[in-house]
């Protein structure tokens, strides 16, 4: 009845304290496939989302507040299919978004679960463009950044799951989108496929001078996922009354330190508004995201990219690639086929 018989492979965290996670920080075990009790359903994992908040960052990292304890299954959102149910609201065969973690099978009581319609959009998008990552970019742009047509929006991680949403929404609502990425390949994709006016490769040449050329009138809205030295560089190029949205702390994963004095002086000089974004505060906007961006996906004006590793055993290596900034698009693991 299950594609893995009666065996459930899981990935566990082990207690290590390196600067960045490595595959050896994780281990695997096998347990029996659980049986649902009253009010529960059993789901098989199809796609696993890889997110920095989930797996084994160093204790000193600002992103490690919810890090797992040694021997625990790594937490994580998944797209799964109900295979057995004793829950009145879920039937076998249905697809769901569920926080069931790094394992092939899991029980759920329905808490935190969202039913998915595979006819409306590919189910994997519930973990990316139509999930928390997409919602982060959408809210950062529409509700916190609030650009007006013609204004310049600067987006870090321009080709990633968050940044690509912010940049494309900026373009589709009449703003001028400029991206920042870590490689020429990602920059080329951002311009050719996502519609950015320009994309700057960070770490190549005189970045400040290239930023000035790309944004000659300054930056009206800055969507920042790094929280590191880029913020200081961009702050010096903000227009008066600019809006800065902090929606990630990628540089904290590498434990970078940035003096704040010059950054604060630039922010004050620009009379800038700086707001932090925690996506859990904005989940009520998820139906709007699904409706608006979902319609753009179906019409072909909005694009997304997924970086998919194959098999649950590849999750540790995939997570380490993500934290090192080596993934291209929303990082996922395909644990099992969508259709058995």
Protein backbone atom coordinates (compact mmCIF):
# COMPACT_ATOMS: atom_id res chain seq x y z
CA UNK A 1 0.00 0.00 0.00
CA UNK A 2 3.00 2.35 0.47
CA UNK A 3 5.71 2.99 -2.11
CA UNK A 4 8.30 2.22 0.60
CA UNK A 5 6.58 -0.82 2.08
CA UNK A 6 6.46 -0.53 5.87
CA UNK A 7 9.69 1.49 6.20
CA UNK A 8 9.89 5.19 6.95
CA UNK A 9 13.26 6.86 6.36
CA UNK A 10 13.95 9.95 8.46
CA UNK A 11 16.78 12.52 8.63
CA UNK A 12 17.92 13.53 12.11
CA UNK A 13 20.10 16.32 13.40
CA UNK A 14 23.29 15.50 15.31
CA UNK A 15 24.94 17.87 17.75
CA UNK A 16 27.85 19.61 16.04
CA UNK A 17 29.10 23.17 16.20
CA UNK A 18 30.90 24.01 12.97
CA UNK A 19 30.72 27.48 11.47
CA UNK A 20 28.41 26.18 8.75
CA UNK A 21 26.51 22.89 8.58
CA UNK A 22 28.07 19.99 6.69
CA UNK A 23 26.38 16.73 5.63
CA UNK A 24 28.05 14.92 8.54
CA UNK A 25 25.92 17.01 10.92
CA UNK A 26 22.96 14.84 9.92
CA UNK A 27 22.17 11.16 10.18
CA UNK A 28 19.39 8.89 8.95
CA UNK A 29 17.31 6.19 10.58
CA UNK A 30 14.44 3.93 9.55
CA UNK A 31 11.27 3.38 11.56
CA UNK A 32 8.00 1.59 10.81
CA UNK A 33 5.43 3.59 8.86
CA UNK A 34 3.03 4.90 11.53
CA UNK A 35 -0.67 4.10 11.58
CA UNK A 36 -3.17 6.94 11.95
CA UNK A 37 -5.37 7.04 15.01
CA UNK A 38 -8.74 8.77 15.37
CA UNK A 39 -8.58 12.33 14.01
CA UNK A 40 -5.30 11.70 12.17
CA UNK A 41 -4.17 11.01 8.63
CA UNK A 42 -1.01 9.46 7.23
CA UNK A 43 0.76 11.41 4.49
CA UNK A 44 3.58 10.45 2.17
CA UNK A 45 6.07 13.23 1.45
CA UNK A 46 6.44 14.30 -2.17
CA UNK A 47 8.43 17.55 -1.93
CA UNK A 48 10.44 18.80 1.04
CA UNK A 49 11.25 22.48 1.40
CA UNK A 50 14.80 23.34 2.42
CA UNK A 51 14.87 26.48 4.56
CA UNK A 52 17.75 27.94 6.62
CA UNK A 53 15.54 28.19 9.71
CA UNK A 54 15.05 24.43 9.86
CA UNK A 55 18.34 22.60 10.07
CA UNK A 56 21.33 22.87 12.30
CA UNK A 57 22.81 26.34 12.06
CA UNK A 58 25.50 27.17 14.64
CA UNK A 59 24.20 28.19 18.07
CA UNK A 60 25.70 31.69 17.63
CA UNK A 61 23.73 32.27 14.44
CA UNK A 62 20.80 34.65 14.62
CA UNK A 63 18.89 32.23 12.38
CA UNK A 64 19.26 29.30 14.77
CA UNK A 65 16.57 30.20 17.30
CA UNK A 66 14.50 27.18 16.33
CA UNK A 67 17.34 24.75 15.68
CA UNK A 68 16.55 21.10 16.43
CA UNK A 69 17.96 19.12 19.31
CA UNK A 70 20.28 16.20 18.68
CA UNK A 71 18.38 13.11 17.59
CA UNK A 72 15.28 14.99 16.45
CA UNK A 73 13.76 14.78 12.98
CA UNK A 74 14.53 18.00 11.12
CA UNK A 75 11.49 20.24 10.89
CA UNK A 76 10.31 21.44 7.51
CA UNK A 77 7.32 22.14 5.32
CA UNK A 78 6.34 19.50 2.78
CA UNK A 79 3.93 18.87 -0.03
CA UNK A 80 2.43 15.48 0.74
CA UNK A 81 -0.39 13.18 -0.28
CA UNK A 82 -2.87 11.62 2.12
CA UNK A 83 -2.59 7.82 1.94
CA UNK A 84 -4.70 6.76 4.95
CA UNK A 85 -7.14 8.87 6.91
CA UNK A 86 -9.17 8.69 10.09
CA UNK A 87 -9.65 12.46 9.93
CA UNK A 88 -13.13 13.67 8.87
CA UNK A 89 -11.75 16.50 6.72
CA UNK A 90 -9.08 14.69 4.69
CA UNK A 91 -9.45 11.85 2.20
CA UNK A 92 -6.87 9.52 0.67
CA UNK A 93 -5.43 10.93 -2.53
CA UNK A 94 -5.67 14.59 -1.53
CA UNK A 95 -2.57 16.80 -1.73
CA UNK A 96 -1.67 18.96 1.25
CA UNK A 97 0.94 21.40 2.48
CA UNK A 98 1.98 20.17 5.91
CA UNK A 99 4.81 20.80 8.44
CA UNK A 100 5.79 17.13 8.58
CA UNK A 101 9.58 17.45 8.32
CA UNK A 102 12.42 15.45 6.81
CA UNK A 103 10.82 12.02 6.56
CA UNK A 104 9.04 9.87 4.01
CA UNK A 105 5.82 9.40 5.98
CA UNK A 106 4.21 11.31 8.83
CA UNK A 107 1.02 11.51 10.83
CA UNK A 108 -0.95 14.73 11.03
CA UNK A 109 -3.93 15.95 13.03
CA UNK A 110 -4.58 18.61 10.41
CA UNK A 111 -2.95 21.41 12.41
CA UNK A 112 -1.05 23.80 10.13
CA UNK A 113 -2.22 21.89 7.03
CA UNK A 114 -3.43 23.51 3.80
CA UNK A 115 -5.23 21.54 1.10
CA UNK A 116 -3.74 21.97 -2.40
CA UNK A 117 -5.40 21.96 -5.80
CA UNK A 118 -3.01 20.43 -8.37
CA UNK A 119 -5.21 21.77 -11.18
CA UNK A 120 -4.64 25.39 -10.07
CA UNK A 121 -0.83 25.31 -10.01
CA UNK A 122 1.95 22.73 -9.74
CA UNK A 123 1.88 21.46 -6.16
CA UNK A 124 5.58 22.28 -5.65
CA UNK A 125 4.74 26.01 -5.86
CA UNK A 126 3.10 25.76 -2.44
CA UNK A 127 6.64 25.63 -1.04
CA UNK A 128 7.97 28.49 -3.17
CA UNK A 129 6.19 31.03 -5.35
CA UNK A 130 2.79 30.34 -3.76
CA UNK A 131 4.14 29.59 -0.28
CA UNK A 132 6.00 31.38 2.49
CA UNK A 133 8.90 32.41 0.27
CA UNK A 134 6.62 33.96 -2.33
CA UNK A 135 4.51 35.55 0.39
CA UNK A 136 7.62 37.13 1.90
CA UNK A 137 8.55 38.77 -1.40
CA UNK A 138 4.97 39.80 -2.14
CA UNK A 139 4.32 41.41 1.25
CA UNK A 140 7.76 43.04 1.32
CA UNK A 141 7.02 44.74 -1.98
CA UNK A 142 3.28 45.46 -1.89
CA UNK A 143 2.57 46.17 1.78
CA UNK A 144 5.89 47.37 3.21
CA UNK A 145 7.82 48.74 0.24
CA UNK A 146 4.76 50.31 -1.46
CA UNK A 147 6.54 51.50 -4.61
CA UNK A 148 4.82 53.88 -6.98
CA UNK A 149 5.00 53.43 -10.75
CA UNK A 150 8.37 54.49 -12.08
CA UNK A 151 10.18 54.26 -8.75
CA UNK A 152 13.32 52.14 -8.44
CA UNK A 153 13.10 48.91 -6.43
CA UNK A 154 16.40 47.20 -5.56
CA UNK A 155 16.19 43.51 -4.62
CA UNK A 156 18.90 41.26 -3.20
CA UNK A 157 18.76 37.55 -4.05
CA UNK A 158 17.00 38.67 -7.21
CA UNK A 159 16.72 35.18 -8.72
CA UNK A 160 15.81 33.40 -5.47
CA UNK A 161 12.39 32.38 -4.23
CA UNK A 162 11.81 35.58 -2.23
CA UNK A 163 13.62 38.06 -4.46
CA UNK A 164 12.19 36.80 -7.74
CA UNK A 165 8.68 37.39 -6.40
CA UNK A 166 9.48 40.90 -5.15
CA UNK A 167 11.20 41.83 -8.41
CA UNK A 168 8.50 40.50 -10.69
CA UNK A 169 5.70 42.07 -8.65
CA UNK A 170 7.58 45.37 -8.83
CA UNK A 171 7.78 45.07 -12.62
CA UNK A 172 4.17 43.99 -13.01
CA UNK A 173 2.94 46.93 -10.93
CA UNK A 174 4.90 49.54 -12.88
CA UNK A 175 8.06 50.01 -10.83
CA UNK A 176 11.62 49.69 -12.14
CA UNK A 177 13.25 46.55 -10.73
CA UNK A 178 17.03 46.26 -10.27
CA UNK A 179 18.48 43.07 -8.83
CA UNK A 180 21.59 41.97 -6.95
CA UNK A 181 22.87 38.40 -7.26
CA UNK A 182 25.98 36.39 -6.53
CA UNK A 183 26.83 35.13 -10.02
CA UNK A 184 26.68 36.25 -13.63
CA UNK A 185 24.45 33.25 -14.43
CA UNK A 186 21.84 34.31 -11.89
CA UNK A 187 22.04 37.93 -13.05
CA UNK A 188 21.49 36.88 -16.66
CA UNK A 189 18.45 34.84 -15.61
CA UNK A 190 17.04 37.75 -13.59
CA UNK A 191 17.17 40.08 -16.59
CA UNK A 192 16.22 37.67 -19.39
CA UNK A 193 13.59 35.59 -17.61
CA UNK A 194 12.29 37.68 -14.71
CA UNK A 195 12.28 41.07 -16.40
CA UNK A 196 14.65 43.07 -14.19
CA UNK A 197 15.91 46.25 -15.82
CA UNK A 198 19.41 45.37 -14.62
CA UNK A 199 21.07 42.92 -12.23
CA UNK A 200 24.39 43.54 -10.51
CA UNK A 201 26.78 40.74 -9.63
CA UNK A 202 27.87 41.34 -6.07
CA UNK A 203 31.59 40.96 -5.39
CA UNK A 204 32.61 41.74 -8.97
CA UNK A 205 34.44 45.03 -9.58
CA UNK A 206 33.50 48.33 -7.96
CA UNK A 207 30.03 47.45 -6.78
CA UNK A 208 29.18 50.90 -5.41
CA UNK A 209 30.01 52.55 -8.73
CA UNK A 210 27.98 49.99 -10.68
CA UNK A 211 25.07 50.49 -8.31
CA UNK A 212 25.20 54.23 -8.92
CA UNK A 213 25.08 53.66 -12.69
CA UNK A 214 22.17 51.22 -12.42
CA UNK A 215 20.22 53.50 -10.05
CA UNK A 216 21.29 57.02 -11.09
CA UNK A 217 18.40 58.68 -9.25
CA UNK A 218 18.84 56.56 -6.13
CA UNK A 219 16.84 53.70 -4.62
CA UNK A 220 13.24 54.18 -3.52
CA UNK A 221 12.62 50.69 -2.12
CA UNK A 222 15.27 48.23 -0.98
CA UNK A 223 14.34 44.60 -0.30
CA UNK A 224 17.21 43.17 1.74
CA UNK A 225 17.67 39.46 2.46
CA UNK A 226 21.24 39.61 3.72
CA UNK A 227 21.46 41.94 6.69
CA UNK A 228 25.19 42.35 6.06
CA UNK A 229 27.56 44.73 4.30
CA UNK A 230 25.28 45.24 1.29
CA UNK A 231 22.91 47.15 3.52
CA UNK A 232 25.68 49.62 4.27
CA UNK A 233 26.54 50.12 0.60
CA UNK A 234 22.93 50.52 -0.50
CA UNK A 235 22.08 52.86 2.38
CA UNK A 236 24.40 55.46 0.85
CA UNK A 237 22.31 55.36 -2.37
CA UNK A 238 18.83 55.70 -0.88
CA UNK A 239 16.53 58.47 -2.01
CA UNK A 240 14.86 60.71 0.56
CA UNK A 241 11.93 58.88 2.19
CA UNK A 242 13.11 55.51 0.86
CA UNK A 243 11.67 52.33 2.34
CA UNK A 244 13.99 49.52 3.45
CA UNK A 245 12.46 46.10 4.11
CA UNK A 246 14.59 43.57 6.02
CA UNK A 247 13.20 40.12 5.23
CA UNK A 248 16.22 37.85 5.69
CA UNK A 249 19.52 37.53 7.53
CA UNK A 250 21.54 35.47 5.08
CA UNK A 251 24.82 37.09 6.10
CA UNK A 252 24.19 36.01 9.70
CA UNK A 253 24.56 32.39 8.57
CA UNK A 254 28.18 33.20 7.82
CA UNK A 255 28.54 35.16 11.08
CA UNK A 256 29.62 38.38 9.35
CA UNK A 257 29.97 41.52 11.42
CA UNK A 258 29.08 44.95 10.07
CA UNK A 259 29.78 48.25 11.85
CA UNK A 260 26.48 50.11 12.21
CA UNK A 261 27.60 53.73 12.51
CA UNK A 262 27.94 54.55 8.81
CA UNK A 263 24.78 52.57 7.97
CA UNK A 264 22.71 54.44 10.52
CA UNK A 265 24.03 57.81 9.36
CA UNK A 266 22.99 57.03 5.78
CA UNK A 267 19.55 55.82 6.87
CA UNK A 268 18.98 58.97 8.90
CA UNK A 269 20.22 61.21 6.08
CA UNK A 270 17.75 59.56 3.69
CA UNK A 271 14.90 59.87 6.24
CA UNK A 272 14.40 56.21 5.41
CA UNK A 273 11.79 53.93 6.88
CA UNK A 274 13.24 50.55 7.92
CA UNK A 275 10.90 47.67 8.67
CA UNK A 276 11.54 44.06 9.52
CA UNK A 277 9.36 41.39 7.98
CA UNK A 278 8.42 38.15 9.72
CA UNK A 279 6.23 36.25 7.30
CA UNK A 280 4.14 34.61 10.05
CA UNK A 281 2.66 38.06 10.73
CA UNK A 282 1.26 38.20 7.19
CA UNK A 283 -0.26 34.77 6.60
CA UNK A 284 -3.66 36.41 6.18
CA UNK A 285 -2.36 37.70 2.82
CA UNK A 286 -1.71 34.15 1.54
CA UNK A 287 -5.07 33.81 -0.27
CA UNK A 288 -4.32 37.09 -2.07
CA UNK A 289 -0.89 35.81 -3.11
CA UNK A 290 -2.37 32.54 -4.40
CA UNK A 291 -5.03 34.42 -6.35
CA UNK A 292 -2.86 37.20 -7.81
CA UNK A 293 0.44 35.42 -8.42
CA UNK A 294 -1.32 32.16 -9.28
CA UNK A 295 -3.17 33.93 -12.09
CA UNK A 296 0.11 35.44 -13.32
CA UNK A 297 1.73 32.00 -13.36
CA UNK A 298 -1.16 30.54 -15.37
CA UNK A 299 -1.02 33.42 -17.87
CA UNK A 300 2.76 33.07 -18.28
CA UNK A 301 3.79 36.56 -17.11
CA UNK A 302 5.30 35.34 -13.82
CA UNK A 303 8.13 32.81 -13.74
CA UNK A 304 9.75 30.78 -10.99
CA UNK A 305 12.73 28.47 -10.72
CA UNK A 306 13.21 25.43 -8.51
CA UNK A 307 16.48 23.78 -7.46
CA UNK A 308 15.40 20.18 -6.88
CA UNK A 309 17.54 17.48 -5.28
CA UNK A 310 16.41 13.89 -5.74
CA UNK A 311 15.67 11.57 -2.81
CA UNK A 312 15.42 12.21 0.91
CA UNK A 313 19.03 11.14 1.42
CA UNK A 314 20.11 14.21 -0.58
CA UNK A 315 18.49 16.64 1.87
CA UNK A 316 21.58 17.26 4.08
CA UNK A 317 23.82 18.07 1.11
CA UNK A 318 21.07 20.20 -0.42
CA UNK A 319 20.64 22.12 2.82
CA UNK A 320 24.37 22.79 3.03
CA UNK A 321 24.37 24.08 -0.55
CA UNK A 322 21.49 26.40 0.35
CA UNK A 323 23.27 27.90 3.35
CA UNK A 324 26.45 28.42 1.29
CA UNK A 325 24.42 30.32 -1.31
CA UNK A 326 24.95 27.72 -4.03
CA UNK A 327 21.33 26.91 -4.89
CA UNK A 328 19.56 28.54 -7.84
CA UNK A 329 15.85 29.04 -7.24
CA UNK A 330 13.67 27.62 -4.49
CA UNK A 331 15.54 24.72 -2.84
CA UNK A 332 13.47 21.53 -2.73
CA UNK A 333 13.95 17.80 -2.35
CA UNK A 334 11.78 15.45 -4.40
CA UNK A 335 11.22 12.65 -1.91
CA UNK A 336 8.74 10.61 -3.96
CA UNK A 337 6.82 10.88 -7.26
CA UNK A 338 3.62 12.90 -7.31
CA UNK A 339 1.66 9.94 -8.72
CA UNK A 340 2.17 6.34 -7.65
